[in-house]
Structures are given as structure tokens and as C-alpha cells.
């Protein structure tokens, strides 16, 4: 049986740290999210996206834009709902085997550290 997620960093159910985000959403870097499932919101040419759920109870920035119509302005809203995030901009926290890139304490924003500690206990 072929692994359809072969070559991706994350898998459904993983916990991951956001390592990059759009300029308007830089506050998300260091936030811990749970990988829910494959996002069907974006075209393949934009890279593989996951639907992710932030673990924080704090609202965080979400970019709202129509990637098909560049003439529309990009808006940012704040919520705690699931949203799409690029696989390349996530670093999984839990591994079945040794990680290629370990998650370091310095990678996690202080605001989100208590959630990381609660998950690891």
C-alpha cells in the first residue's frame, strides 16, 4: 500500500509548530497546531496544505484572500478556528523515528510554551 503523504513533513493527527507564515500572520510563528486533514482549499501549484487546529485558546491571525483573484485585497481576521497551512511551513513535534530537524524550545513562542508542555506530559 502506497503512503499518499510520502515526502510531506506532517501526517493527520500530528502536533506541529508553525515555522513560517504570511507577512500579515507572523504572530503565528511558534504556535502549536494539530494536523487535521488534507486541505482542498488550495491548488496543487501552491504546495500541499493541511487543515490545522490551533491548540491555543487565544485568537490568532488568519489571512483571508482569494488566491485566484490577486486584485482583491488581503484581509486578516483573528479567530481560533481550523485553517489551512502549508506543509513546508510546519515542523512536526511527535515522531515515530528520529527526527531530521528536532523541535527546539527556542522554536516555540513563550505564549505557546505552556501548551507544548501540557501536550508532552
PDB file of N, CA and C in Angstrom:
ATOM      1  N   UNK A   1       0.848  -1.185   0.000  1.00  0.00           N
ATOM      2  CA  UNK A   1       0.000   0.000   0.000  1.00  0.00           C
ATOM      3  C   UNK A   1       0.894   1.249   0.000  1.00  0.00           C
ATOM      4  N   UNK A   2       0.601   2.161  -0.862  1.00  0.00           N
ATOM      5  CA  UNK A   2       1.412   3.371  -1.031  1.00  0.00           C
ATOM      6  C   UNK A   2       0.975   4.454  -0.043  1.00  0.00           C
ATOM      7  N   UNK A   3       1.949   5.102   0.585  1.00  0.00           N
ATOM      8  CA  UNK A   3       1.688   6.198   1.516  1.00  0.00           C
ATOM      9  C   UNK A   3       1.419   7.463   0.701  1.00  0.00           C
ATOM     10  N   UNK A   4       0.187   7.937   0.708  1.00  0.00           N
ATOM     11  CA  UNK A   4      -0.157   9.097  -0.123  1.00  0.00           C
ATOM     12  C   UNK A   4       0.440  10.400   0.408  1.00  0.00           C
ATOM     13  N   UNK A   5       0.966  10.387   1.624  1.00  0.00           N
ATOM     14  CA  UNK A   5       1.583  11.575   2.188  1.00  0.00           C
ATOM     15  C   UNK A   5       3.108  11.485   2.159  1.00  0.00           C
ATOM     16  N   UNK A   6       3.655  10.529   1.394  1.00  0.00           N
ATOM     17  CA  UNK A   6       5.099  10.345   1.294  1.00  0.00           C
ATOM     18  C   UNK A   6       5.762  11.639   0.827  1.00  0.00           C
ATOM     19  N   UNK A   7       6.812  12.044   1.509  1.00  0.00           N
ATOM     20  CA  UNK A   7       7.537  13.254   1.144  1.00  0.00           C
ATOM     21  C   UNK A   7       7.060  14.504   1.866  1.00  0.00           C
ATOM     22  N   UNK A   8       5.964  14.396   2.605  1.00  0.00           N
ATOM     23  CA  UNK A   8       5.458  15.542   3.364  1.00  0.00           C
ATOM     24  C   UNK A   8       6.035  15.505   4.771  1.00  0.00           C
ATOM     25  N   UNK A   9       6.038  16.650   5.410  1.00  0.00           N
ATOM     26  CA  UNK A   9       6.584  16.742   6.770  1.00  0.00           C
ATOM     27  C   UNK A   9       5.596  16.198   7.807  1.00  0.00           C
ATOM     28  N   UNK A  10       4.316  16.440   7.603  1.00  0.00           N
ATOM     29  CA  UNK A  10       3.308  16.117   8.618  1.00  0.00           C
ATOM     30  C   UNK A  10       2.352  15.025   8.145  1.00  0.00           C
ATOM     31  N   UNK A  11       1.604  14.508   9.104  1.00  0.00           N
ATOM     32  CA  UNK A  11       0.567  13.499   8.858  1.00  0.00           C
ATOM     33  C   UNK A  11      -0.656  13.888   9.694  1.00  0.00           C
ATOM     34  N   UNK A  12      -1.856  13.435   9.293  1.00  0.00           N
ATOM     35  CA  UNK A  12      -3.037  13.716  10.116  1.00  0.00           C
ATOM     36  C   UNK A  12      -2.835  13.213  11.543  1.00  0.00           C
ATOM     37  N   UNK A  13      -3.223  14.042  12.504  1.00  0.00           N
ATOM     38  CA  UNK A  13      -3.087  13.703  13.916  1.00  0.00           C
ATOM     39  C   UNK A  13      -1.819  14.229  14.563  1.00  0.00           C
ATOM     40  N   UNK A  14      -0.813  14.597  13.762  1.00  0.00           N
ATOM     41  CA  UNK A  14       0.438  15.124  14.313  1.00  0.00           C
ATOM     42  C   UNK A  14       0.207  16.454  15.020  1.00  0.00           C
ATOM     43  N   UNK A  15       1.076  16.731  15.976  1.00  0.00           N
ATOM     44  CA  UNK A  15       1.213  18.080  16.518  1.00  0.00           C
ATOM     45  C   UNK A  15       2.386  18.704  15.797  1.00  0.00           C
ATOM     46  N   UNK A  16       2.262  19.983  15.464  1.00  0.00           N
ATOM     47  CA  UNK A  16       3.326  20.650  14.723  1.00  0.00           C
ATOM     48  C   UNK A  16       3.478  22.085  15.213  1.00  0.00           C
ATOM     49  N   UNK A  17       4.662  22.639  14.989  1.00  0.00           N
ATOM     50  CA  UNK A  17       4.953  24.031  15.292  1.00  0.00           C
ATOM     51  C   UNK A  17       4.954  24.787  13.963  1.00  0.00           C
ATOM     52  N   UNK A  18       4.294  25.937  13.929  1.00  0.00           N
ATOM     53  CA  UNK A  18       4.335  26.782  12.740  1.00  0.00           C
ATOM     54  C   UNK A  18       5.700  27.468  12.704  1.00  0.00           C
ATOM     55  N   UNK A  19       6.440  27.264  11.610  1.00  0.00           N
ATOM     56  CA  UNK A  19       7.787  27.832  11.482  1.00  0.00           C
ATOM     57  C   UNK A  19       7.827  29.023  10.527  1.00  0.00           C
ATOM     58  N   UNK A  20       6.830  29.153   9.662  1.00  0.00           N
ATOM     59  CA  UNK A  20       6.738  30.282   8.742  1.00  0.00           C
ATOM     60  C   UNK A  20       5.274  30.585   8.503  1.00  0.00           C
ATOM     61  N   UNK A  21       5.001  31.847   8.107  1.00  0.00           N
ATOM     62  CA  UNK A  21       3.637  32.227   7.765  1.00  0.00           C
ATOM     63  C   UNK A  21       3.687  33.464   6.882  1.00  0.00           C
ATOM     64  N   UNK A  22       2.539  33.843   6.362  1.00  0.00           N
ATOM     65  CA  UNK A  22       2.432  35.037   5.537  1.00  0.00           C
ATOM     66  C   UNK A  22       2.856  36.256   6.355  1.00  0.00           C
ATOM     67  N   UNK A  23       3.312  37.330   5.694  1.00  0.00           N
ATOM     68  CA  UNK A  23       3.756  38.520   6.444  1.00  0.00           C
ATOM     69  C   UNK A  23       2.706  39.057   7.421  1.00  0.00           C
ATOM     70  N   UNK A  24       1.442  38.994   7.044  1.00  0.00           N
ATOM     71  CA  UNK A  24       0.376  39.505   7.908  1.00  0.00           C
ATOM     72  C   UNK A  24       0.120  38.606   9.125  1.00  0.00           C
ATOM     73  N   UNK A  25       0.647  37.401   9.095  1.00  0.00           N
ATOM     74  CA  UNK A  25       0.347  36.408  10.140  1.00  0.00           C
ATOM     75  C   UNK A  25       1.595  35.923  10.879  1.00  0.00           C
ATOM     76  N   UNK A  26       2.635  36.756  10.919  1.00  0.00           N
ATOM     77  CA  UNK A  26       3.890  36.365  11.565  1.00  0.00           C
ATOM     78  C   UNK A  26       3.707  36.023  13.045  1.00  0.00           C
ATOM     79  N   UNK A  27       2.659  36.528  13.672  1.00  0.00           N
ATOM     80  CA  UNK A  27       2.404  36.219  15.083  1.00  0.00           C
ATOM     81  C   UNK A  27       2.128  34.729  15.298  1.00  0.00           C
ATOM     82  N   UNK A  28       1.808  33.995  14.225  1.00  0.00           N
ATOM     83  CA  UNK A  28       1.542  32.559  14.342  1.00  0.00           C
ATOM     84  C   UNK A  28       2.814  31.724  14.472  1.00  0.00           C
ATOM     85  N   UNK A  29       3.956  32.287  14.123  1.00  0.00           N
ATOM     86  CA  UNK A  29       5.199  31.512  14.175  1.00  0.00           C
ATOM     87  C   UNK A  29       5.467  31.107  15.628  1.00  0.00           C
ATOM     88  N   UNK A  30       5.683  29.818  15.822  1.00  0.00           N
ATOM     89  CA  UNK A  30       5.878  29.272  17.163  1.00  0.00           C
ATOM     90  C   UNK A  30       4.609  28.683  17.750  1.00  0.00           C
ATOM     91  N   UNK A  31       3.488  28.890  17.104  1.00  0.00           N
ATOM     92  CA  UNK A  31       2.225  28.348  17.612  1.00  0.00           C
ATOM     93  C   UNK A  31       2.156  26.841  17.341  1.00  0.00           C
ATOM     94  N   UNK A  32       1.555  26.112  18.269  1.00  0.00           N
ATOM     95  CA  UNK A  32       1.383  24.670  18.124  1.00  0.00           C
ATOM     96  C   UNK A  32      -0.005  24.393  17.572  1.00  0.00           C
ATOM     97  N   UNK A  33      -0.057  23.517  16.556  1.00  0.00           N
ATOM     98  CA  UNK A  33      -1.317  23.154  15.923  1.00  0.00           C
ATOM     99  C   UNK A  33      -1.418  21.638  15.817  1.00  0.00           C
ATOM    100  N   UNK A  34      -2.646  21.147  15.691  1.00  0.00           N
ATOM    101  CA  UNK A  34      -2.881  19.728  15.397  1.00  0.00           C
ATOM    102  C   UNK A  34      -3.219  19.629  13.920  1.00  0.00           C
ATOM    103  N   UNK A  35      -2.597  18.679  13.222  1.00  0.00           N
ATOM    104  CA  UNK A  35      -2.877  18.447  11.807  1.00  0.00           C
ATOM    105  C   UNK A  35      -4.185  17.665  11.725  1.00  0.00           C
ATOM    106  N   UNK A  36      -5.181  18.229  11.039  1.00  0.00           N
ATOM    107  CA  UNK A  36      -6.486  17.579  10.939  1.00  0.00           C
ATOM    108  C   UNK A  36      -6.569  16.678   9.711  1.00  0.00           C
ATOM    109  N   UNK A  37      -6.439  17.275   8.536  1.00  0.00           N
ATOM    110  CA  UNK A  37      -6.541  16.521   7.291  1.00  0.00           C
ATOM    111  C   UNK A  37      -6.040  17.372   6.130  1.00  0.00           C
ATOM    112  N   UNK A  38      -6.018  16.766   4.956  1.00  0.00           N
ATOM    113  CA  UNK A  38      -5.589  17.457   3.743  1.00  0.00           C
ATOM    114  C   UNK A  38      -6.566  18.588   3.431  1.00  0.00           C
ATOM    115  N   UNK A  39      -6.027  19.764   3.150  1.00  0.00           N
ATOM    116  CA  UNK A  39      -6.880  20.901   2.787  1.00  0.00           C
ATOM    117  C   UNK A  39      -7.120  20.869   1.291  1.00  0.00           C
ATOM    118  N   UNK A  40      -8.364  21.013   0.894  1.00  0.00           N
ATOM    119  CA  UNK A  40      -8.718  21.026  -0.527  1.00  0.00           C
ATOM    120  C   UNK A  40      -8.939  22.443  -1.020  1.00  0.00           C
ATOM    121  N   UNK A  41      -8.584  23.420  -0.189  1.00  0.00           N
ATOM    122  CA  UNK A  41      -8.835  24.828  -0.477  1.00  0.00           C
ATOM    123  C   UNK A  41      -7.860  25.418  -1.497  1.00  0.00           C
ATOM    124  N   UNK A  42      -6.665  24.822  -1.652  1.00  0.00           N
ATOM    125  CA  UNK A  42      -5.621  25.415  -2.491  1.00  0.00           C
ATOM    126  C   UNK A  42      -5.274  24.519  -3.663  1.00  0.00           C
ATOM    127  N   UNK A  43      -4.851  25.139  -4.759  1.00  0.00           N
ATOM    128  CA  UNK A  43      -4.404  24.409  -5.935  1.00  0.00           C
ATOM    129  C   UNK A  43      -3.071  23.725  -5.645  1.00  0.00           C
ATOM    130  N   UNK A  44      -2.793  22.629  -6.343  1.00  0.00           N
ATOM    131  CA  UNK A  44      -1.541  21.895  -6.146  1.00  0.00           C
ATOM    132  C   UNK A  44      -0.319  22.771  -6.386  1.00  0.00           C
ATOM    133  N   UNK A  45      -0.391  23.700  -7.319  1.00  0.00           N
ATOM    134  CA  UNK A  45       0.738  24.560  -7.634  1.00  0.00           C
ATOM    135  C   UNK A  45       1.165  25.448  -6.475  1.00  0.00           C
ATOM    136  N   UNK A  46       0.324  25.589  -5.471  1.00  0.00           N
ATOM    137  CA  UNK A  46       0.641  26.424  -4.310  1.00  0.00           C
ATOM    138  C   UNK A  46       1.292  25.623  -3.183  1.00  0.00           C
ATOM    139  N   UNK A  47       1.527  24.349  -3.404  1.00  0.00           N
ATOM    140  CA  UNK A  47       2.110  23.499  -2.375  1.00  0.00           C
ATOM    141  C   UNK A  47       1.026  22.780  -1.591  1.00  0.00           C
ATOM    142  N   UNK A  48       1.419  21.729  -0.895  1.00  0.00           N
ATOM    143  CA  UNK A  48       0.463  20.917  -0.141  1.00  0.00           C
ATOM    144  C   UNK A  48       0.079  21.631   1.148  1.00  0.00           C
ATOM    145  N   UNK A  49      -1.207  21.756   1.375  1.00  0.00           N
ATOM    146  CA  UNK A  49      -1.734  22.419   2.573  1.00  0.00           C
ATOM    147  C   UNK A  49      -2.513  21.422   3.431  1.00  0.00           C
ATOM    148  N   UNK A  50      -2.415  21.635   4.738  1.00  0.00           N
ATOM    149  CA  UNK A  50      -3.190  20.875   5.721  1.00  0.00           C
ATOM    150  C   UNK A  50      -4.223  21.800   6.357  1.00  0.00           C
ATOM    151  N   UNK A  51      -5.343  21.229   6.771  1.00  0.00           N
ATOM    152  CA  UNK A  51      -6.232  21.931   7.690  1.00  0.00           C
ATOM    153  C   UNK A  51      -5.654  21.680   9.074  1.00  0.00           C
ATOM    154  N   UNK A  52      -5.416  22.749   9.813  1.00  0.00           N
ATOM    155  CA  UNK A  52      -4.817  22.634  11.142  1.00  0.00           C
ATOM    156  C   UNK A  52      -5.708  23.329  12.168  1.00  0.00           C
ATOM    157  N   UNK A  53      -5.647  22.846  13.407  1.00  0.00           N
ATOM    158  CA  UNK A  53      -6.388  23.437  14.514  1.00  0.00           C
ATOM    159  C   UNK A  53      -5.402  23.968  15.532  1.00  0.00           C
ATOM    160  N   UNK A  54      -5.388  25.287  15.762  1.00  0.00           N
ATOM    161  CA  UNK A  54      -4.511  25.826  16.809  1.00  0.00           C
ATOM    162  C   UNK A  54      -4.886  25.242  18.176  1.00  0.00           C
ATOM    163  N   UNK A  55      -3.889  24.919  18.992  1.00  0.00           N
ATOM    164  CA  UNK A  55      -4.162  24.409  20.336  1.00  0.00           C
ATOM    165  C   UNK A  55      -4.417  25.543  21.320  1.00  0.00           C
ATOM    166  N   UNK A  56      -3.937  26.715  20.997  1.00  0.00           N
ATOM    167  CA  UNK A  56      -4.113  27.868  21.873  1.00  0.00           C
ATOM    168  C   UNK A  56      -5.577  28.301  21.905  1.00  0.00           C
ATOM    169  N   UNK A  57      -5.993  28.788  23.045  1.00  0.00           N
ATOM    170  CA  UNK A  57      -7.337  29.351  23.169  1.00  0.00           C
ATOM    171  C   UNK A  57      -7.365  30.812  22.715  1.00  0.00           C
ATOM    172  N   UNK A  58      -6.177  31.385  22.479  1.00  0.00           N
ATOM    173  CA  UNK A  58      -6.086  32.780  22.036  1.00  0.00           C
ATOM    174  C   UNK A  58      -6.417  32.871  20.550  1.00  0.00           C
ATOM    175  N   UNK A  59      -7.212  33.853  20.139  1.00  0.00           N
ATOM    176  CA  UNK A  59      -7.413  34.068  18.703  1.00  0.00           C
ATOM    177  C   UNK A  59      -6.077  34.419  18.040  1.00  0.00           C
ATOM    178  N   UNK A  60      -5.872  33.908  16.850  1.00  0.00           N
ATOM    179  CA  UNK A  60      -4.636  34.184  16.117  1.00  0.00           C
ATOM    180  C   UNK A  60      -4.977  34.630  14.703  1.00  0.00           C
ATOM    181  N   UNK A  61      -4.042  35.317  14.033  1.00  0.00           N
ATOM    182  CA  UNK A  61      -4.345  35.882  12.722  1.00  0.00           C
ATOM    183  C   UNK A  61      -4.537  34.820  11.641  1.00  0.00           C
ATOM    184  N   UNK A  62      -5.516  35.077  10.779  1.00  0.00           N
ATOM    185  CA  UNK A  62      -5.807  34.224   9.627  1.00  0.00           C
ATOM    186  C   UNK A  62      -5.942  35.143   8.422  1.00  0.00           C
ATOM    187  N   UNK A  63      -5.214  34.839   7.355  1.00  0.00           N
ATOM    188  CA  UNK A  63      -5.276  35.638   6.136  1.00  0.00           C
ATOM    189  C   UNK A  63      -6.460  35.181   5.298  1.00  0.00           C
ATOM    190  N   UNK A  64      -7.302  36.124   4.927  1.00  0.00           N
ATOM    191  CA  UNK A  64      -8.449  35.837   4.070  1.00  0.00           C
ATOM    192  C   UNK A  64      -8.171  36.499   2.725  1.00  0.00           C
ATOM    193  N   UNK A  65      -7.997  35.701   1.689  1.00  0.00           N
ATOM    194  CA  UNK A  65      -7.780  36.259   0.353  1.00  0.00           C
ATOM    195  C   UNK A  65      -8.201  35.231  -0.680  1.00  0.00           C
ATOM    196  N   UNK A  66      -8.477  35.715  -1.860  1.00  0.00           N
ATOM    197  CA  UNK A  66      -8.805  34.838  -2.970  1.00  0.00           C
ATOM    198  C   UNK A  66      -7.548  34.721  -3.821  1.00  0.00           C
ATOM    199  N   UNK A  67      -6.855  33.583  -3.710  1.00  0.00           N
ATOM    200  CA  UNK A  67      -5.592  33.410  -4.429  1.00  0.00           C
ATOM    201  C   UNK A  67      -5.794  33.392  -5.944  1.00  0.00           C
ATOM    202  N   UNK A  68      -7.034  33.217  -6.403  1.00  0.00           N
ATOM    203  CA  UNK A  68      -7.312  33.226  -7.844  1.00  0.00           C
ATOM    204  C   UNK A  68      -7.468  34.639  -8.378  1.00  0.00           C
ATOM    205  N   UNK A  69      -7.827  35.588  -7.489  1.00  0.00           N
ATOM    206  CA  UNK A  69      -8.059  36.970  -7.905  1.00  0.00           C
ATOM    207  C   UNK A  69      -7.139  37.886  -7.110  1.00  0.00           C
ATOM    208  N   UNK A  70      -5.984  38.171  -7.670  1.00  0.00           N
ATOM    209  CA  UNK A  70      -4.975  38.991  -6.979  1.00  0.00           C
ATOM    210  C   UNK A  70      -5.410  40.446  -6.809  1.00  0.00           C
ATOM    211  N   UNK A  71      -6.469  40.869  -7.528  1.00  0.00           N
ATOM    212  CA  UNK A  71      -6.915  42.262  -7.406  1.00  0.00           C
ATOM    213  C   UNK A  71      -7.647  42.507  -6.095  1.00  0.00           C
ATOM    214  N   UNK A  72      -8.145  41.440  -5.472  1.00  0.00           N
ATOM    215  CA  UNK A  72      -8.829  41.600  -4.190  1.00  0.00           C
ATOM    216  C   UNK A  72      -7.817  41.829  -3.084  1.00  0.00           C
ATOM    217  N   UNK A  73      -8.183  42.676  -2.147  1.00  0.00           N
ATOM    218  CA  UNK A  73      -7.263  42.950  -1.039  1.00  0.00           C
ATOM    219  C   UNK A  73      -7.220  41.760  -0.079  1.00  0.00           C
ATOM    220  N   UNK A  74      -6.090  41.638   0.575  1.00  0.00           N
ATOM    221  CA  UNK A  74      -5.901  40.587   1.566  1.00  0.00           C
ATOM    222  C   UNK A  74      -6.354  41.129   2.914  1.00  0.00           C
ATOM    223  N   UNK A  75      -7.187  40.382   3.598  1.00  0.00           N
ATOM    224  CA  UNK A  75      -7.696  40.803   4.904  1.00  0.00           C
ATOM    225  C   UNK A  75      -7.230  39.808   5.959  1.00  0.00           C
ATOM    226  N   UNK A  76      -7.059  40.309   7.155  1.00  0.00           N
ATOM    227  CA  UNK A  76      -6.688  39.449   8.283  1.00  0.00           C
ATOM    228  C   UNK A  76      -7.816  39.487   9.294  1.00  0.00           C
ATOM    229  N   UNK A  77      -8.184  38.321   9.761  1.00  0.00           N
ATOM    230  CA  UNK A  77      -9.156  38.202  10.836  1.00  0.00           C
ATOM    231  C   UNK A  77      -8.489  37.404  11.958  1.00  0.00           C
ATOM    232  N   UNK A  78      -9.035  37.475  13.149  1.00  0.00           N
ATOM    233  CA  UNK A  78      -8.478  36.751  14.293  1.00  0.00           C
ATOM    234  C   UNK A  78      -9.529  35.781  14.813  1.00  0.00           C
ATOM    235  N   UNK A  79      -9.157  34.504  14.886  1.00  0.00           N
ATOM    236  CA  UNK A  79     -10.055  33.506  15.454  1.00  0.00           C
ATOM    237  C   UNK A  79      -9.239  32.299  15.909  1.00  0.00           C
ATOM    238  N   UNK A  80      -9.920  31.293  16.382  1.00  0.00           N
ATOM    239  CA  UNK A  80      -9.275  30.065  16.845  1.00  0.00           C
ATOM    240  C   UNK A  80      -9.822  28.862  16.075  1.00  0.00           C
ATOM    241  N   UNK A  81     -10.352  29.111  14.887  1.00  0.00           N
ATOM    242  CA  UNK A  81     -10.958  28.058  14.066  1.00  0.00           C
ATOM    243  C   UNK A  81      -9.890  27.338  13.251  1.00  0.00           C
ATOM    244  N   UNK A  82     -10.214  26.136  12.760  1.00  0.00           N
ATOM    245  CA  UNK A  82      -9.282  25.464  11.842  1.00  0.00           C
ATOM    246  C   UNK A  82      -9.020  26.348  10.625  1.00  0.00           C
ATOM    247  N   UNK A  83      -7.799  26.212  10.082  1.00  0.00           N
ATOM    248  CA  UNK A  83      -7.420  26.976   8.897  1.00  0.00           C
ATOM    249  C   UNK A  83      -6.406  26.166   8.118  1.00  0.00           C
ATOM    250  N   UNK A  84      -6.176  26.546   6.861  1.00  0.00           N
ATOM    251  CA  UNK A  84      -5.203  25.853   6.015  1.00  0.00           C
ATOM    252  C   UNK A  84      -3.804  26.395   6.285  1.00  0.00           C
ATOM    253  N   UNK A  85      -2.816  25.491   6.246  1.00  0.00           N
ATOM    254  CA  UNK A  85      -1.423  25.913   6.414  1.00  0.00           C
ATOM    255  C   UNK A  85      -0.532  25.031   5.553  1.00  0.00           C
ATOM    256  N   UNK A  86       0.458  25.642   4.943  1.00  0.00           N
ATOM    257  CA  UNK A  86       1.389  24.962   4.050  1.00  0.00           C
ATOM    258  C   UNK A  86       2.247  23.957   4.821  1.00  0.00           C
ATOM    259  N   UNK A  87       2.338  22.731   4.316  1.00  0.00           N
ATOM    260  CA  UNK A  87       3.124  21.676   4.958  1.00  0.00           C
ATOM    261  C   UNK A  87       4.574  22.101   5.177  1.00  0.00           C
ATOM    262  N   UNK A  88       5.163  22.783   4.206  1.00  0.00           N
ATOM    263  CA  UNK A  88       6.570  23.198   4.300  1.00  0.00           C
ATOM    264  C   UNK A  88       6.803  24.204   5.423  1.00  0.00           C
ATOM    265  N   UNK A  89       5.749  24.842   5.893  1.00  0.00           N
ATOM    266  CA  UNK A  89       5.861  25.850   6.947  1.00  0.00           C
ATOM    267  C   UNK A  89       5.515  25.290   8.325  1.00  0.00           C
ATOM    268  N   UNK A  90       5.464  23.969   8.440  1.00  0.00           N
ATOM    269  CA  UNK A  90       5.162  23.291   9.699  1.00  0.00           C
ATOM    270  C   UNK A  90       6.304  22.348  10.048  1.00  0.00           C
ATOM    271  N   UNK A  91       6.559  22.176  11.336  1.00  0.00           N
ATOM    272  CA  UNK A  91       7.542  21.202  11.796  1.00  0.00           C
ATOM    273  C   UNK A  91       6.849  20.275  12.786  1.00  0.00           C
ATOM    274  N   UNK A  92       6.725  18.982  12.450  1.00  0.00           N
ATOM    275  CA  UNK A  92       6.051  18.054  13.368  1.00  0.00           C
ATOM    276  C   UNK A  92       6.808  17.928  14.685  1.00  0.00           C
ATOM    277  N   UNK A  93       6.061  17.721  15.765  1.00  0.00           N
ATOM    278  CA  UNK A  93       6.661  17.602  17.098  1.00  0.00           C
ATOM    279  C   UNK A  93       6.817  16.156  17.544  1.00  0.00           C
ATOM    280  N   UNK A  94       5.938  15.277  17.101  1.00  0.00           N
ATOM    281  CA  UNK A  94       5.960  13.881  17.542  1.00  0.00           C
ATOM    282  C   UNK A  94       6.446  13.010  16.398  1.00  0.00           C
ATOM    283  N   UNK A  95       7.345  12.103  16.704  1.00  0.00           N
ATOM    284  CA  UNK A  95       7.948  11.272  15.669  1.00  0.00           C
ATOM    285  C   UNK A  95       7.868   9.803  16.042  1.00  0.00           C
ATOM    286  N   UNK A  96       7.713   8.962  15.020  1.00  0.00           N
ATOM    287  CA  UNK A  96       7.805   7.525  15.236  1.00  0.00           C
ATOM    288  C   UNK A  96       9.265   7.092  15.189  1.00  0.00           C
ATOM    289  N   UNK A  97      10.090   7.858  14.478  1.00  0.00           N
ATOM    290  CA  UNK A  97      11.518   7.583  14.402  1.00  0.00           C
ATOM    291  C   UNK A  97      12.263   8.886  14.636  1.00  0.00           C
ATOM    292  N   UNK A  98      13.555   8.836  14.657  1.00  0.00           N
ATOM    293  CA  UNK A  98      14.364  10.027  14.949  1.00  0.00           C
ATOM    294  C   UNK A  98      14.055  11.145  13.957  1.00  0.00           C
ATOM    295  N   UNK A  99      13.830  12.363  14.442  1.00  0.00           N
ATOM    296  CA  UNK A  99      13.529  13.483  13.551  1.00  0.00           C
ATOM    297  C   UNK A  99      14.774  13.961  12.816  1.00  0.00           C
ATOM    298  N   UNK A 100      14.553  14.474  11.599  1.00  0.00           N
ATOM    299  CA  UNK A 100      15.650  15.093  10.861  1.00  0.00           C
ATOM    300  C   UNK A 100      15.948  16.468  11.455  1.00  0.00           C
ATOM    301  N   UNK A 101      14.898  17.177  11.861  1.00  0.00           N
ATOM    302  CA  UNK A 101      15.041  18.505  12.453  1.00  0.00           C
ATOM    303  C   UNK A 101      14.321  18.500  13.795  1.00  0.00           C
ATOM    304  N   UNK A 102      15.028  18.384  14.903  1.00  0.00           N
ATOM    305  CA  UNK A 102      14.340  18.358  16.198  1.00  0.00           C
ATOM    306  C   UNK A 102      13.681  19.705  16.500  1.00  0.00           C
ATOM    307  N   UNK A 103      12.552  19.656  17.185  1.00  0.00           N
ATOM    308  CA  UNK A 103      11.890  20.880  17.632  1.00  0.00           C
ATOM    309  C   UNK A 103      12.605  21.340  18.892  1.00  0.00           C
ATOM    310  N   UNK A 104      13.085  22.557  18.866  1.00  0.00           N
ATOM    311  CA  UNK A 104      13.808  23.115  19.996  1.00  0.00           C
ATOM    312  C   UNK A 104      12.902  24.030  20.789  1.00  0.00           C
ATOM    313  N   UNK A 105      13.173  24.147  22.077  1.00  0.00           N
ATOM    314  CA  UNK A 105      12.393  25.051  22.918  1.00  0.00           C
ATOM    315  C   UNK A 105      12.370  26.457  22.345  1.00  0.00           C
ATOM    316  N   UNK A 106      13.475  26.867  21.734  1.00  0.00           N
ATOM    317  CA  UNK A 106      13.581  28.216  21.173  1.00  0.00           C
ATOM    318  C   UNK A 106      12.637  28.418  19.989  1.00  0.00           C
ATOM    319  N   UNK A 107      12.180  27.314  19.348  1.00  0.00           N
ATOM    320  CA  UNK A 107      11.280  27.418  18.203  1.00  0.00           C
ATOM    321  C   UNK A 107       9.857  27.773  18.622  1.00  0.00           C
ATOM    322  N   UNK A 108       9.538  27.570  19.897  1.00  0.00           N
ATOM    323  CA  UNK A 108       8.170  27.762  20.368  1.00  0.00           C
ATOM    324  C   UNK A 108       8.075  29.105  21.072  1.00  0.00           C
ATOM    325  N   UNK A 109       7.118  29.923  20.656  1.00  0.00           N
ATOM    326  CA  UNK A 109       6.927  31.227  21.289  1.00  0.00           C
ATOM    327  C   UNK A 109       6.575  31.044  22.750  1.00  0.00           C
ATOM    328  N   UNK A 110       7.050  31.931  23.621  1.00  0.00           N
ATOM    329  CA  UNK A 110       6.732  31.819  25.048  1.00  0.00           C
ATOM    330  C   UNK A 110       5.228  31.745  25.313  1.00  0.00           C
ATOM    331  N   UNK A 111       4.420  32.459  24.515  1.00  0.00           N
ATOM    332  CA  UNK A 111       2.966  32.441  24.713  1.00  0.00           C
ATOM    333  C   UNK A 111       2.385  31.048  24.531  1.00  0.00           C
ATOM    334  N   UNK A 112       3.065  30.209  23.748  1.00  0.00           N
ATOM    335  CA  UNK A 112       2.535  28.886  23.432  1.00  0.00           C
ATOM    336  C   UNK A 112       3.267  27.776  24.178  1.00  0.00           C
ATOM    337  N   UNK A 113       4.263  28.115  24.999  1.00  0.00           N
ATOM    338  CA  UNK A 113       5.075  27.124  25.686  1.00  0.00           C
ATOM    339  C   UNK A 113       4.247  26.271  26.648  1.00  0.00           C
ATOM    340  N   UNK A 114       3.292  26.866  27.360  1.00  0.00           N
ATOM    341  CA  UNK A 114       2.513  26.082  28.321  1.00  0.00           C
ATOM    342  C   UNK A 114       1.690  25.006  27.621  1.00  0.00           C
ATOM    343  N   UNK A 115       1.248  25.245  26.375  1.00  0.00           N
ATOM    344  CA  UNK A 115       0.508  24.229  25.630  1.00  0.00           C
ATOM    345  C   UNK A 115       1.433  23.086  25.228  1.00  0.00           C
ATOM    346  N   UNK A 116       2.677  23.415  24.828  1.00  0.00           N
ATOM    347  CA  UNK A 116       3.631  22.384  24.436  1.00  0.00           C
ATOM    348  C   UNK A 116       3.961  21.509  25.628  1.00  0.00           C
ATOM    349  N   UNK A 117       4.144  22.111  26.789  1.00  0.00           N
ATOM    350  CA  UNK A 117       4.444  21.337  27.975  1.00  0.00           C
ATOM    351  C   UNK A 117       3.273  20.456  28.385  1.00  0.00           C
ATOM    352  N   UNK A 118       2.062  20.963  28.250  1.00  0.00           N
ATOM    353  CA  UNK A 118       0.867  20.173  28.600  1.00  0.00           C
ATOM    354  C   UNK A 118       0.715  18.979  27.674  1.00  0.00           C
ATOM    355  N   UNK A 119       1.030  19.147  26.391  1.00  0.00           N
ATOM    356  CA  UNK A 119       0.920  18.067  25.414  1.00  0.00           C
ATOM    357  C   UNK A 119       1.962  16.997  25.680  1.00  0.00           C
ATOM    358  N   UNK A 120       3.167  17.389  26.092  1.00  0.00           N
ATOM    359  CA  UNK A 120       4.242  16.420  26.287  1.00  0.00           C
ATOM    360  C   UNK A 120       4.112  15.631  27.578  1.00  0.00           C
ATOM    361  N   UNK A 121       3.242  16.047  28.495  1.00  0.00           N
ATOM    362  CA  UNK A 121       3.081  15.334  29.765  1.00  0.00           C
ATOM    363  C   UNK A 121       2.181  14.132  29.620  1.00  0.00           C
TER     364      UNK A 121
END
